[in-house]
């Protein structure tokens, strides 16, 4: 079914930018509901992002631990970053992996994509599997501080099921990657 034929479709009547920052924009739209009534929808415009599951030849996943200001604590997560304007997702994934971890990868596979916050954002995160890693030099963005970790997959699964990994991007990306990880004969839950 096309979006135009969707009986649940909400039609934009007017749109206003409430606030615009460095890469996020808050919009307030007036929409017509399927029953003809009108309401307001507030949401974030996000440029999108790419995340990668980078596997070493030893079967370890490259992770990052970084302080996340909105949460007030450091968390462990997959490497990822936002898309620059007009940047293809795979190019973003390659750039972010090298900038944040120093690794480049010989083999890249598209795993899929997901929308992490459908109730209030149009963000889409593209997920890639990176293998054949080669160590290089990190080049963190100004104001970016993180620790690179290497965890065997069993340790990562254990941390997830113990509630130690709470980053939605990491959880969703690994769920999408399960069939491919299994096909590669890697440890999965």
C-alpha atoms as a PDB file:
ATOM      1  CA  UNK A   1       0.000   0.000   0.000  1.00  0.00           C
ATOM      2  CA  UNK A   2       1.347   3.441  -0.865  1.00  0.00           C
ATOM      3  CA  UNK A   3       1.511   6.179   1.759  1.00  0.00           C
ATOM      4  CA  UNK A   4      -1.138   8.131  -0.179  1.00  0.00           C
ATOM      5  CA  UNK A   5      -3.545   5.168   0.119  1.00  0.00           C
ATOM      6  CA  UNK A   6      -2.910   4.540   3.831  1.00  0.00           C
ATOM      7  CA  UNK A   7      -6.199   5.071   5.733  1.00  0.00           C
ATOM      8  CA  UNK A   8      -4.175   6.049   8.841  1.00  0.00           C
ATOM      9  CA  UNK A   9      -2.276   8.807   7.036  1.00  0.00           C
ATOM     10  CA  UNK A  10      -2.077  12.240   8.642  1.00  0.00           C
ATOM     11  CA  UNK A  11      -1.862  15.145   6.187  1.00  0.00           C
ATOM     12  CA  UNK A  12       0.306  18.190   6.961  1.00  0.00           C
ATOM     13  CA  UNK A  13      -1.641  21.454   6.877  1.00  0.00           C
ATOM     14  CA  UNK A  14       1.137  23.780   8.122  1.00  0.00           C
ATOM     15  CA  UNK A  15       4.677  23.413   9.463  1.00  0.00           C
ATOM     16  CA  UNK A  16       6.767  25.727  11.653  1.00  0.00           C
ATOM     17  CA  UNK A  17      10.365  25.415  12.792  1.00  0.00           C
ATOM     18  CA  UNK A  18      10.298  25.896  16.568  1.00  0.00           C
ATOM     19  CA  UNK A  19      14.059  25.637  17.096  1.00  0.00           C
ATOM     20  CA  UNK A  20      17.119  24.829  15.008  1.00  0.00           C
ATOM     21  CA  UNK A  21      20.494  23.789  16.378  1.00  0.00           C
ATOM     22  CA  UNK A  22      23.741  22.514  14.906  1.00  0.00           C
ATOM     23  CA  UNK A  23      22.184  19.325  13.536  1.00  0.00           C
ATOM     24  CA  UNK A  24      18.733  18.945  15.083  1.00  0.00           C
ATOM     25  CA  UNK A  25      15.603  20.877  14.188  1.00  0.00           C
ATOM     26  CA  UNK A  26      12.343  20.890  16.154  1.00  0.00           C
ATOM     27  CA  UNK A  27       9.160  21.258  14.104  1.00  0.00           C
ATOM     28  CA  UNK A  28       5.540  21.797  15.045  1.00  0.00           C
ATOM     29  CA  UNK A  29       3.072  20.730  12.361  1.00  0.00           C
ATOM     30  CA  UNK A  30      -0.666  21.124  12.177  1.00  0.00           C
ATOM     31  CA  UNK A  31      -2.073  17.916  10.662  1.00  0.00           C
ATOM     32  CA  UNK A  32      -5.441  16.640   9.509  1.00  0.00           C
ATOM     33  CA  UNK A  33      -6.268  13.268  11.079  1.00  0.00           C
ATOM     34  CA  UNK A  34      -7.988  10.392   9.254  1.00  0.00           C
ATOM     35  CA  UNK A  35     -11.321  11.388  10.847  1.00  0.00           C
ATOM     36  CA  UNK A  36     -11.015  14.975   9.546  1.00  0.00           C
ATOM     37  CA  UNK A  37     -10.103  16.603  12.876  1.00  0.00           C
ATOM     38  CA  UNK A  38      -6.855  18.537  13.274  1.00  0.00           C
ATOM     39  CA  UNK A  39      -4.100  18.249  15.859  1.00  0.00           C
ATOM     40  CA  UNK A  40      -0.490  19.285  16.432  1.00  0.00           C
ATOM     41  CA  UNK A  41       2.591  17.078  16.010  1.00  0.00           C
ATOM     42  CA  UNK A  42       5.975  18.115  17.427  1.00  0.00           C
ATOM     43  CA  UNK A  43       9.047  16.231  16.286  1.00  0.00           C
ATOM     44  CA  UNK A  44      12.776  16.343  15.603  1.00  0.00           C
ATOM     45  CA  UNK A  45      14.328  16.392  12.155  1.00  0.00           C
ATOM     46  CA  UNK A  46      17.575  14.413  12.248  1.00  0.00           C
ATOM     47  CA  UNK A  47      20.083  13.975   9.404  1.00  0.00           C
ATOM     48  CA  UNK A  48      20.336  10.218  10.008  1.00  0.00           C
ATOM     49  CA  UNK A  49      23.251   8.129  11.170  1.00  0.00           C
ATOM     50  CA  UNK A  50      25.311   5.044  10.468  1.00  0.00           C
ATOM     51  CA  UNK A  51      26.349   2.416  13.011  1.00  0.00           C
ATOM     52  CA  UNK A  52      28.694  -0.470  12.501  1.00  0.00           C
ATOM     53  CA  UNK A  53      29.363  -3.855  14.026  1.00  0.00           C
ATOM     54  CA  UNK A  54      33.121  -4.024  13.540  1.00  0.00           C
ATOM     55  CA  UNK A  55      34.538  -7.521  14.074  1.00  0.00           C
ATOM     56  CA  UNK A  56      38.219  -8.218  14.603  1.00  0.00           C
ATOM     57  CA  UNK A  57      39.817 -11.357  13.157  1.00  0.00           C
ATOM     58  CA  UNK A  58      39.831 -12.701  16.742  1.00  0.00           C
ATOM     59  CA  UNK A  59      36.022 -12.466  16.819  1.00  0.00           C
ATOM     60  CA  UNK A  60      35.838  -9.443  19.083  1.00  0.00           C
ATOM     61  CA  UNK A  61      33.426  -6.562  18.588  1.00  0.00           C
ATOM     62  CA  UNK A  62      34.874  -3.065  18.601  1.00  0.00           C
ATOM     63  CA  UNK A  63      32.865  -0.944  21.039  1.00  0.00           C
ATOM     64  CA  UNK A  64      33.123   2.507  22.518  1.00  0.00           C
ATOM     65  CA  UNK A  65      32.611   3.796  26.014  1.00  0.00           C
ATOM     66  CA  UNK A  66      31.722   7.453  26.133  1.00  0.00           C
ATOM     67  CA  UNK A  67      30.002   9.917  28.391  1.00  0.00           C
ATOM     68  CA  UNK A  68      26.490  10.706  27.198  1.00  0.00           C
ATOM     69  CA  UNK A  69      25.536  14.086  28.613  1.00  0.00           C
ATOM     70  CA  UNK A  70      21.722  13.648  28.515  1.00  0.00           C
ATOM     71  CA  UNK A  71      22.080  10.467  30.605  1.00  0.00           C
ATOM     72  CA  UNK A  72      24.755  11.860  32.910  1.00  0.00           C
ATOM     73  CA  UNK A  73      26.952   8.767  32.624  1.00  0.00           C
ATOM     74  CA  UNK A  74      29.255   6.796  30.345  1.00  0.00           C
ATOM     75  CA  UNK A  75      27.783   3.954  28.325  1.00  0.00           C
ATOM     76  CA  UNK A  76      29.129   1.194  26.095  1.00  0.00           C
ATOM     77  CA  UNK A  77      27.875   1.276  22.514  1.00  0.00           C
ATOM     78  CA  UNK A  78      28.716   0.460  18.909  1.00  0.00           C
ATOM     79  CA  UNK A  79      30.678   3.034  16.909  1.00  0.00           C
ATOM     80  CA  UNK A  80      28.312   5.341  15.027  1.00  0.00           C
ATOM     81  CA  UNK A  81      27.891   8.858  13.799  1.00  0.00           C
ATOM     82  CA  UNK A  82      25.570  11.236  12.027  1.00  0.00           C
ATOM     83  CA  UNK A  83      25.444  11.597   8.272  1.00  0.00           C
ATOM     84  CA  UNK A  84      26.915  14.750   6.790  1.00  0.00           C
ATOM     85  CA  UNK A  85      24.686  16.528   4.252  1.00  0.00           C
ATOM     86  CA  UNK A  86      24.471  14.416   1.090  1.00  0.00           C
ATOM     87  CA  UNK A  87      26.759  11.717   2.496  1.00  0.00           C
ATOM     88  CA  UNK A  88      25.904   8.107   1.603  1.00  0.00           C
ATOM     89  CA  UNK A  89      25.421   5.944   4.733  1.00  0.00           C
ATOM     90  CA  UNK A  90      28.298   3.564   3.886  1.00  0.00           C
ATOM     91  CA  UNK A  91      30.698   6.489   3.470  1.00  0.00           C
ATOM     92  CA  UNK A  92      29.576   7.777   6.866  1.00  0.00           C
ATOM     93  CA  UNK A  93      30.147   4.349   8.444  1.00  0.00           C
ATOM     94  CA  UNK A  94      33.663   4.118   6.990  1.00  0.00           C
ATOM     95  CA  UNK A  95      34.509   7.651   8.107  1.00  0.00           C
ATOM     96  CA  UNK A  96      33.143   7.235  11.629  1.00  0.00           C
ATOM     97  CA  UNK A  97      34.839   3.864  12.202  1.00  0.00           C
ATOM     98  CA  UNK A  98      38.222   5.314  11.315  1.00  0.00           C
ATOM     99  CA  UNK A  99      37.734   8.643  13.121  1.00  0.00           C
ATOM    100  CA  UNK A 100      36.498   7.090  16.355  1.00  0.00           C
ATOM    101  CA  UNK A 101      38.435   3.809  16.551  1.00  0.00           C
ATOM    102  CA  UNK A 102      41.328   4.145  14.109  1.00  0.00           C
ATOM    103  CA  UNK A 103      40.180   1.036  12.227  1.00  0.00           C
ATOM    104  CA  UNK A 104      39.530   0.648   8.538  1.00  0.00           C
ATOM    105  CA  UNK A 105      37.723  -2.415   7.195  1.00  0.00           C
ATOM    106  CA  UNK A 106      38.340  -4.434   4.054  1.00  0.00           C
ATOM    107  CA  UNK A 107      34.827  -5.916   3.925  1.00  0.00           C
ATOM    108  CA  UNK A 108      31.564  -4.044   4.441  1.00  0.00           C
ATOM    109  CA  UNK A 109      28.064  -5.508   4.405  1.00  0.00           C
ATOM    110  CA  UNK A 110      24.768  -3.682   4.668  1.00  0.00           C
ATOM    111  CA  UNK A 111      22.736  -5.177   7.524  1.00  0.00           C
ATOM    112  CA  UNK A 112      19.668  -2.925   7.377  1.00  0.00           C
ATOM    113  CA  UNK A 113      18.234   0.191   8.940  1.00  0.00           C
ATOM    114  CA  UNK A 114      15.803   1.172  11.685  1.00  0.00           C
ATOM    115  CA  UNK A 115      14.015   4.207  13.091  1.00  0.00           C
ATOM    116  CA  UNK A 116      14.931   4.514  16.794  1.00  0.00           C
ATOM    117  CA  UNK A 117      12.406   7.139  17.925  1.00  0.00           C
ATOM    118  CA  UNK A 118       9.320   6.999  15.668  1.00  0.00           C
ATOM    119  CA  UNK A 119       7.086   8.938  18.065  1.00  0.00           C
ATOM    120  CA  UNK A 120       9.141  12.123  17.995  1.00  0.00           C
ATOM    121  CA  UNK A 121      11.897  11.928  15.366  1.00  0.00           C
ATOM    122  CA  UNK A 122      12.452  11.068  11.704  1.00  0.00           C
ATOM    123  CA  UNK A 123      15.940   9.676  12.470  1.00  0.00           C
ATOM    124  CA  UNK A 124      17.038   6.582  10.567  1.00  0.00           C
ATOM    125  CA  UNK A 125      20.136   4.587  11.511  1.00  0.00           C
ATOM    126  CA  UNK A 126      21.838   2.497   8.827  1.00  0.00           C
ATOM    127  CA  UNK A 127      23.647  -0.600  10.119  1.00  0.00           C
ATOM    128  CA  UNK A 128      26.743  -2.190   8.586  1.00  0.00           C
ATOM    129  CA  UNK A 129      28.964  -5.159   9.380  1.00  0.00           C
ATOM    130  CA  UNK A 130      32.680  -4.386   9.041  1.00  0.00           C
ATOM    131  CA  UNK A 131      35.295  -7.150   8.847  1.00  0.00           C
ATOM    132  CA  UNK A 132      38.927  -7.454   7.841  1.00  0.00           C
ATOM    133  CA  UNK A 133      39.893  -4.664  10.225  1.00  0.00           C
ATOM    134  CA  UNK A 134      43.219  -2.880  10.035  1.00  0.00           C
ATOM    135  CA  UNK A 135      44.401  -0.698  12.902  1.00  0.00           C
ATOM    136  CA  UNK A 136      45.268   2.895  12.126  1.00  0.00           C
ATOM    137  CA  UNK A 137      45.134   6.297  13.747  1.00  0.00           C
ATOM    138  CA  UNK A 138      42.074   7.810  15.401  1.00  0.00           C
ATOM    139  CA  UNK A 139      41.047  11.348  14.560  1.00  0.00           C
ATOM    140  CA  UNK A 140      38.302  12.307  17.001  1.00  0.00           C
ATOM    141  CA  UNK A 141      36.110  15.326  16.358  1.00  0.00           C
ATOM    142  CA  UNK A 142      36.693  18.389  18.544  1.00  0.00           C
ATOM    143  CA  UNK A 143      34.993  17.798  21.896  1.00  0.00           C
ATOM    144  CA  UNK A 144      34.728  14.033  21.355  1.00  0.00           C
ATOM    145  CA  UNK A 145      36.220  11.779  24.030  1.00  0.00           C
ATOM    146  CA  UNK A 146      35.826   8.011  24.064  1.00  0.00           C
ATOM    147  CA  UNK A 147      37.511   4.774  25.028  1.00  0.00           C
ATOM    148  CA  UNK A 148      37.771   1.968  22.450  1.00  0.00           C
ATOM    149  CA  UNK A 149      36.933  -1.509  23.759  1.00  0.00           C
ATOM    150  CA  UNK A 150      37.275  -4.994  22.265  1.00  0.00           C
ATOM    151  CA  UNK A 151      34.787  -7.510  23.630  1.00  0.00           C
ATOM    152  CA  UNK A 152      34.301 -11.136  22.621  1.00  0.00           C
ATOM    153  CA  UNK A 153      30.726 -11.714  21.440  1.00  0.00           C
ATOM    154  CA  UNK A 154      29.812 -13.924  24.443  1.00  0.00           C
ATOM    155  CA  UNK A 155      30.788 -11.094  26.808  1.00  0.00           C
ATOM    156  CA  UNK A 156      28.713  -8.633  24.775  1.00  0.00           C
ATOM    157  CA  UNK A 157      25.626 -10.889  24.835  1.00  0.00           C
ATOM    158  CA  UNK A 158      26.076 -11.398  28.584  1.00  0.00           C
ATOM    159  CA  UNK A 159      26.288  -7.631  29.167  1.00  0.00           C
ATOM    160  CA  UNK A 160      23.146  -7.079  27.084  1.00  0.00           C
ATOM    161  CA  UNK A 161      21.083  -9.648  28.963  1.00  0.00           C
ATOM    162  CA  UNK A 162      22.389  -8.374  32.308  1.00  0.00           C
ATOM    163  CA  UNK A 163      21.055  -4.907  31.432  1.00  0.00           C
ATOM    164  CA  UNK A 164      24.528  -3.363  31.247  1.00  0.00           C
ATOM    165  CA  UNK A 165      24.129  -2.314  27.593  1.00  0.00           C
ATOM    166  CA  UNK A 166      21.131  -0.006  27.281  1.00  0.00           C
ATOM    167  CA  UNK A 167      21.911   1.952  24.113  1.00  0.00           C
ATOM    168  CA  UNK A 168      18.988   1.391  21.741  1.00  0.00           C
ATOM    169  CA  UNK A 169      21.148   1.758  18.640  1.00  0.00           C
ATOM    170  CA  UNK A 170      23.471  -1.003  19.811  1.00  0.00           C
ATOM    171  CA  UNK A 171      20.634  -3.330  20.795  1.00  0.00           C
ATOM    172  CA  UNK A 172      18.712  -2.795  17.548  1.00  0.00           C
ATOM    173  CA  UNK A 173      21.780  -3.128  15.326  1.00  0.00           C
ATOM    174  CA  UNK A 174      22.821  -6.402  16.940  1.00  0.00           C
ATOM    175  CA  UNK A 175      19.295  -7.786  16.627  1.00  0.00           C
ATOM    176  CA  UNK A 176      19.279  -6.950  12.908  1.00  0.00           C
ATOM    177  CA  UNK A 177      22.709  -8.574  12.533  1.00  0.00           C
ATOM    178  CA  UNK A 178      21.826 -11.865  14.280  1.00  0.00           C
ATOM    179  CA  UNK A 179      21.084 -13.842  11.084  1.00  0.00           C
ATOM    180  CA  UNK A 180      24.375 -12.732   9.500  1.00  0.00           C
ATOM    181  CA  UNK A 181      26.386 -13.409  12.664  1.00  0.00           C
ATOM    182  CA  UNK A 182      24.865 -16.905  12.827  1.00  0.00           C
ATOM    183  CA  UNK A 183      25.644 -17.496   9.139  1.00  0.00           C
ATOM    184  CA  UNK A 184      29.269 -16.603   9.875  1.00  0.00           C
ATOM    185  CA  UNK A 185      29.311 -19.198  12.679  1.00  0.00           C
ATOM    186  CA  UNK A 186      29.838 -16.592  15.385  1.00  0.00           C
ATOM    187  CA  UNK A 187      28.476 -16.954  18.938  1.00  0.00           C
ATOM    188  CA  UNK A 188      24.899 -15.707  19.224  1.00  0.00           C
ATOM    189  CA  UNK A 189      22.297 -15.995  21.983  1.00  0.00           C
END
